Protein backbone atom coordinates (compact mmCIF):
# COMPACT_ATOMS: atom_id res chain seq x y z
CA MET A 1 -34.70 69.61 36.62
CA LYS A 2 -32.49 72.46 37.82
CA ARG A 3 -34.90 73.16 40.68
CA HIS A 4 -34.82 69.51 41.81
CA ILE A 5 -31.00 69.43 41.66
CA LEU A 6 -30.79 72.59 43.77
CA ARG A 7 -33.11 71.01 46.35
CA LEU A 8 -30.86 67.94 46.56
CA LEU A 9 -27.65 69.88 47.08
CA PRO A 10 -28.15 70.86 50.77
CA PRO A 11 -28.93 67.32 52.04
CA ALA A 12 -26.18 65.85 49.86
CA GLY A 13 -23.69 68.39 51.19
CA SER A 14 -24.67 67.73 54.80
CA MET A 15 -24.29 63.99 54.21
CA VAL A 16 -20.77 64.47 52.85
CA LEU A 17 -19.85 66.62 55.86
CA PHE A 18 -21.27 63.99 58.21
CA LEU A 19 -19.25 61.19 56.58
CA VAL A 20 -16.06 63.27 56.69
CA ALA A 21 -16.63 64.11 60.37
CA TRP A 22 -17.34 60.44 61.12
CA HIS A 23 -14.14 59.32 59.38
CA LEU A 24 -11.99 61.95 61.12
CA ALA A 25 -13.49 61.22 64.56
CA VAL A 26 -12.78 57.49 64.21
CA ARG A 27 -9.18 58.16 63.12
CA TRP A 28 -8.34 60.91 65.60
CA PHE A 29 -9.80 59.18 68.64
CA SER A 30 -8.59 55.70 67.57
CA VAL A 31 -12.05 54.20 68.05
CA PRO A 32 -11.91 50.39 67.76
CA SER A 33 -13.64 49.12 64.64
CA TYR A 34 -15.76 46.71 66.68
CA LEU A 35 -17.37 49.76 68.33
CA VAL A 36 -17.60 52.24 65.44
CA PRO A 37 -16.07 51.34 62.08
CA SER A 38 -15.06 54.03 59.63
CA PRO A 39 -17.31 54.85 56.64
CA GLY A 40 -14.75 53.19 54.37
CA ASP A 41 -14.87 49.96 56.37
CA VAL A 42 -18.69 49.98 56.21
CA LEU A 43 -18.56 50.53 52.46
CA VAL A 44 -16.12 47.62 52.01
CA ALA A 45 -18.29 45.39 54.22
CA SER A 46 -21.36 46.36 52.20
CA TRP A 47 -19.66 45.38 48.95
CA ASP A 48 -18.33 42.12 50.38
CA ALA A 49 -21.79 41.22 51.75
CA ARG A 50 -23.72 42.33 48.67
CA SER A 51 -24.85 38.78 47.97
CA ASP A 52 -26.60 38.86 51.37
CA LEU A 53 -27.65 42.52 51.53
CA VAL A 54 -29.41 42.71 48.16
CA PRO A 55 -31.71 39.67 48.69
CA ALA A 56 -32.34 40.76 52.29
CA THR A 57 -33.32 44.24 51.12
CA LEU A 58 -35.66 42.78 48.50
CA ALA A 59 -37.21 40.44 51.09
CA THR A 60 -37.85 43.34 53.48
CA LEU A 61 -39.20 45.44 50.62
CA ALA A 62 -41.67 42.68 49.73
CA GLY A 63 -43.02 42.57 53.29
CA ALA A 64 -43.14 46.37 53.59
CA ALA A 65 -44.82 46.87 50.21
CA THR A 66 -47.46 44.23 50.94
CA GLY A 67 -48.14 45.71 54.38
CA PHE A 68 -48.39 49.20 52.91
CA ALA A 69 -50.80 48.08 50.18
CA LEU A 70 -53.02 46.39 52.78
CA SER A 71 -52.92 49.45 55.03
CA LEU A 72 -53.86 51.70 52.11
CA VAL A 73 -56.88 49.54 51.23
CA ALA A 74 -57.97 48.87 54.82
CA GLY A 75 -57.40 52.48 55.92
CA THR A 76 -59.45 53.86 53.05
CA LEU A 77 -62.27 51.34 53.56
CA GLY A 78 -62.25 52.03 57.31
CA ALA A 79 -62.47 55.77 56.67
CA ILE A 80 -65.41 55.20 54.31
CA LEU A 81 -67.17 53.11 56.97
CA PHE A 82 -66.60 55.70 59.72
CA SER A 83 -67.85 58.51 57.48
CA GLN A 84 -71.24 56.88 56.91
CA ALA A 85 -72.69 57.53 60.36
CA ARG A 86 -71.54 59.33 63.47
CA TRP A 87 -72.55 56.44 65.72
CA ILE A 88 -70.27 54.10 63.75
CA ARG A 89 -67.34 56.48 64.12
CA ASP A 90 -68.00 57.04 67.82
CA SER A 91 -68.28 53.28 68.45
CA LEU A 92 -65.30 51.99 66.47
CA TYR A 93 -62.79 54.81 66.03
CA PRO A 94 -61.64 54.76 69.70
CA TRP A 95 -60.66 51.11 69.21
CA ALA A 96 -58.51 52.08 66.23
CA ILE A 97 -56.79 54.68 68.42
CA PHE A 98 -56.32 52.07 71.15
CA LEU A 99 -54.70 49.67 68.68
CA GLN A 100 -52.28 52.40 67.63
CA THR A 101 -51.23 53.09 71.22
CA VAL A 102 -50.27 49.46 71.91
CA PRO A 103 -46.48 49.08 71.42
CA ILE A 104 -45.97 46.93 68.35
CA VAL A 105 -42.95 45.26 69.96
CA ALA A 106 -45.23 44.04 72.77
CA ILE A 107 -47.79 42.38 70.49
CA ALA A 108 -45.40 41.13 67.79
CA PRO A 109 -44.75 37.84 69.66
CA LEU A 110 -48.52 37.29 69.83
CA ILE A 111 -48.83 37.88 66.11
CA VAL A 112 -46.13 35.30 65.48
CA LEU A 113 -47.89 32.89 67.83
CA TRP A 114 -51.20 33.28 65.99
CA SER A 115 -49.95 33.59 62.39
CA GLY A 116 -46.78 31.55 62.61
CA PRO A 117 -43.26 32.66 61.66
CA GLY A 118 -42.56 33.94 58.18
CA PHE A 119 -43.94 36.33 55.62
CA ALA A 120 -47.54 36.54 56.87
CA SER A 121 -46.55 37.73 60.34
CA ILE A 122 -44.08 40.27 58.92
CA VAL A 123 -46.78 41.71 56.68
CA LEU A 124 -49.24 41.85 59.57
CA VAL A 125 -46.80 43.74 61.82
CA SER A 126 -46.04 46.16 58.99
CA PHE A 127 -49.76 46.62 58.35
CA LEU A 128 -50.61 47.30 61.99
CA LEU A 129 -47.89 49.91 62.28
CA SER A 130 -48.79 51.77 59.07
CA VAL A 131 -52.59 51.62 58.82
CA PHE A 132 -53.53 54.24 61.41
CA PRO A 133 -52.15 57.37 59.66
CA ILE A 134 -54.12 56.49 56.53
CA LEU A 135 -57.25 55.71 58.53
CA SER A 136 -57.11 58.84 60.68
CA ASN A 137 -56.37 61.16 57.75
CA GLY A 138 -59.08 59.51 55.67
CA VAL A 139 -61.64 59.96 58.45
CA GLU A 140 -60.62 63.61 58.76
CA GLY A 141 -60.95 64.19 55.02
CA MET A 142 -64.33 62.47 54.69
CA SER A 143 -65.79 64.14 57.76
CA ARG A 144 -64.67 67.76 57.25
CA ILE A 145 -67.03 68.50 54.38
CA ASP A 146 -68.44 71.96 53.76
CA PRO A 147 -72.01 71.81 55.16
CA SER A 148 -73.30 73.79 52.17
CA LEU A 149 -72.02 71.09 49.81
CA LEU A 150 -73.69 68.37 51.86
CA GLU A 151 -76.93 70.38 51.82
CA LEU A 152 -76.66 70.79 48.04
CA PHE A 153 -76.30 67.04 47.55
CA ARG A 154 -79.31 66.40 49.78
CA LEU A 155 -81.42 69.00 47.98
CA CYS A 156 -80.58 67.19 44.74
CA ARG A 157 -81.71 63.94 46.40
CA ALA A 158 -78.32 62.32 45.82
CA ALA A 159 -78.02 58.74 47.04
CA ARG A 160 -75.57 57.92 49.79
CA TRP A 161 -73.22 56.21 47.32
CA GLN A 162 -73.30 59.30 45.07
CA GLU A 163 -72.41 61.52 48.01
CA LEU A 164 -69.53 59.18 48.81
CA LEU A 165 -68.12 58.88 45.28
CA LEU A 166 -68.67 62.46 44.14
CA LEU A 167 -68.04 64.41 47.33
CA ARG A 168 -66.44 62.60 50.25
CA LEU A 169 -63.85 60.52 48.39
CA PRO A 170 -62.56 63.34 46.14
CA HIS A 171 -62.37 65.68 49.15
CA SER A 172 -60.40 63.10 51.16
CA VAL A 173 -57.71 62.40 48.54
CA PRO A 174 -55.21 65.03 49.84
CA PHE A 175 -55.78 63.73 53.38
CA LEU A 176 -55.22 60.12 52.29
CA VAL A 177 -52.08 61.16 50.43
CA ALA A 178 -50.72 62.84 53.57
CA GLY A 179 -51.45 59.68 55.57
CA ALA A 180 -49.79 57.49 52.94
CA ARG A 181 -46.61 59.57 53.13
CA VAL A 182 -46.43 59.03 56.89
CA SER A 183 -47.19 55.33 56.54
CA ALA A 184 -44.50 54.87 53.88
CA GLY A 185 -41.73 55.14 56.46
CA LEU A 186 -43.61 53.26 59.14
CA THR A 187 -44.25 50.26 56.92
CA VAL A 188 -40.50 49.60 56.51
CA ILE A 189 -40.02 49.92 60.26
CA GLY A 190 -42.88 47.47 60.78
CA ALA A 191 -41.38 44.97 58.34
CA ILE A 192 -37.98 45.06 60.07
CA VAL A 193 -39.57 44.76 63.53
CA GLY A 194 -41.60 41.83 62.22
CA GLU A 195 -38.41 40.19 60.99
CA PHE A 196 -36.92 40.48 64.48
CA PHE A 197 -39.64 38.16 65.75
CA ALA A 198 -40.84 36.26 62.68
CA GLY A 199 -37.95 36.53 60.24
CA TYR A 200 -37.62 34.23 57.28
CA GLY A 201 -34.56 32.71 58.89
CA ALA A 202 -31.21 31.82 57.40
CA SER A 203 -32.82 30.37 54.27
CA ARG A 204 -34.32 33.75 53.23
CA PRO A 205 -33.12 36.49 55.58
CA GLY A 206 -34.45 40.02 55.63
CA LEU A 207 -32.64 43.10 56.88
CA GLY A 208 -34.02 42.56 60.37
CA TYR A 209 -32.45 39.11 60.48
CA LEU A 210 -29.11 40.49 59.23
CA VAL A 211 -29.15 43.19 61.92
CA GLN A 212 -29.74 40.59 64.64
CA MET A 213 -27.22 38.13 63.24
CA SER A 214 -24.43 40.68 62.77
CA ALA A 215 -25.02 42.14 66.26
CA ALA A 216 -24.92 38.69 67.86
CA GLN A 217 -21.69 37.81 66.04
CA MET A 218 -20.08 41.23 66.71
CA LYS A 219 -19.74 41.92 62.98
CA THR A 220 -20.02 45.65 63.46
CA GLU A 221 -19.21 46.59 59.87
CA LEU A 222 -22.00 44.33 58.61
CA LEU A 223 -24.30 45.69 61.31
CA PHE A 224 -23.70 49.25 60.12
CA ALA A 225 -24.15 48.12 56.52
CA SER A 226 -27.49 46.46 57.37
CA VAL A 227 -28.69 49.54 59.22
CA GLY A 228 -27.60 51.69 56.27
CA ALA A 229 -29.50 49.43 53.86
CA SER A 230 -32.59 49.68 56.09
CA THR A 231 -32.34 53.46 56.12
CA PHE A 232 -31.87 53.57 52.35
CA LEU A 233 -34.87 51.29 51.84
CA GLY A 234 -37.08 53.44 54.08
CA LEU A 235 -35.98 56.57 52.22
CA LEU A 236 -36.57 54.91 48.86
CA VAL A 237 -40.12 53.83 49.80
CA PHE A 238 -40.87 57.29 51.20
CA LEU A 239 -39.64 59.03 48.03
CA ALA A 240 -41.54 56.61 45.79
CA VAL A 241 -44.80 57.16 47.68
CA GLY A 242 -44.17 60.91 47.80
CA ALA A 243 -43.52 61.12 44.04
CA THR A 244 -46.61 59.02 43.27
CA SER A 245 -48.69 61.17 45.60
CA SER A 246 -47.47 64.40 43.99
CA LEU A 247 -48.29 63.08 40.52
CA LEU A 248 -51.75 62.02 41.69
CA LEU A 249 -52.50 65.39 43.27
CA ALA A 250 -51.21 67.27 40.23
CA ARG A 251 -53.39 65.16 37.96
CA LEU A 252 -56.47 65.76 40.10
CA GLN A 253 -55.83 69.50 40.26
CA THR A 254 -55.26 69.86 36.50
CA PRO A 255 -58.50 70.97 34.80
CA PRO A 256 -59.60 68.79 31.88
CA SER A 257 -58.78 70.16 28.44
CA HIS A 258 -61.57 70.92 25.99
CA HIS A 259 -61.17 70.36 22.26
């Protein structure tokens, strides 16, 4: 516990210094609040708009979590498929790279056109933005196998499914975990971008909708509060995935006890 607290002190201290510098800069330079509000004004706006911010954060979290879960399943299954034969990987993997290079903002309107506005399109945008790190890391983990281990499995006449379950999948877990950590932040970005184009609307707004609405109405304090909530949500998802990944790796690395 002491070690974790000591690790949190430097970022917490830098955050306090940043907020103090922000407050002093706004006061000294008399920056209008409609351009840059003070941290206190943003905090007051966040409290006043809590009835909007909390449901919006939960709505964005739902889209991001669903997109992340789909990317985890699809990325792992895609990595398994690509690891089965070199010709499959050579034929299909370049298309996965091509999909990743297409700007998500450019294809988001098409996704809305095909899937319709609302939750499904938001999840799809989040999925497309977060699936590639899991897929690429999974392919790397399942392909970079020690040749002597592969030869041992073949000498033992292991079936392809045994080689997959007993060798390739266990070896790829650290790679998949690394990909999941990268995707954790991207999935929140994808959900907010999806809400820009396919948001739930005024009846069930997400953080993306609040950002657009507050910017259009020049409610700068609410805009900063919405951006802060988006940042907090991304950090929360990243820490949750990171903690789960660390527990998983620690469990896999702990040798079984014998009684």
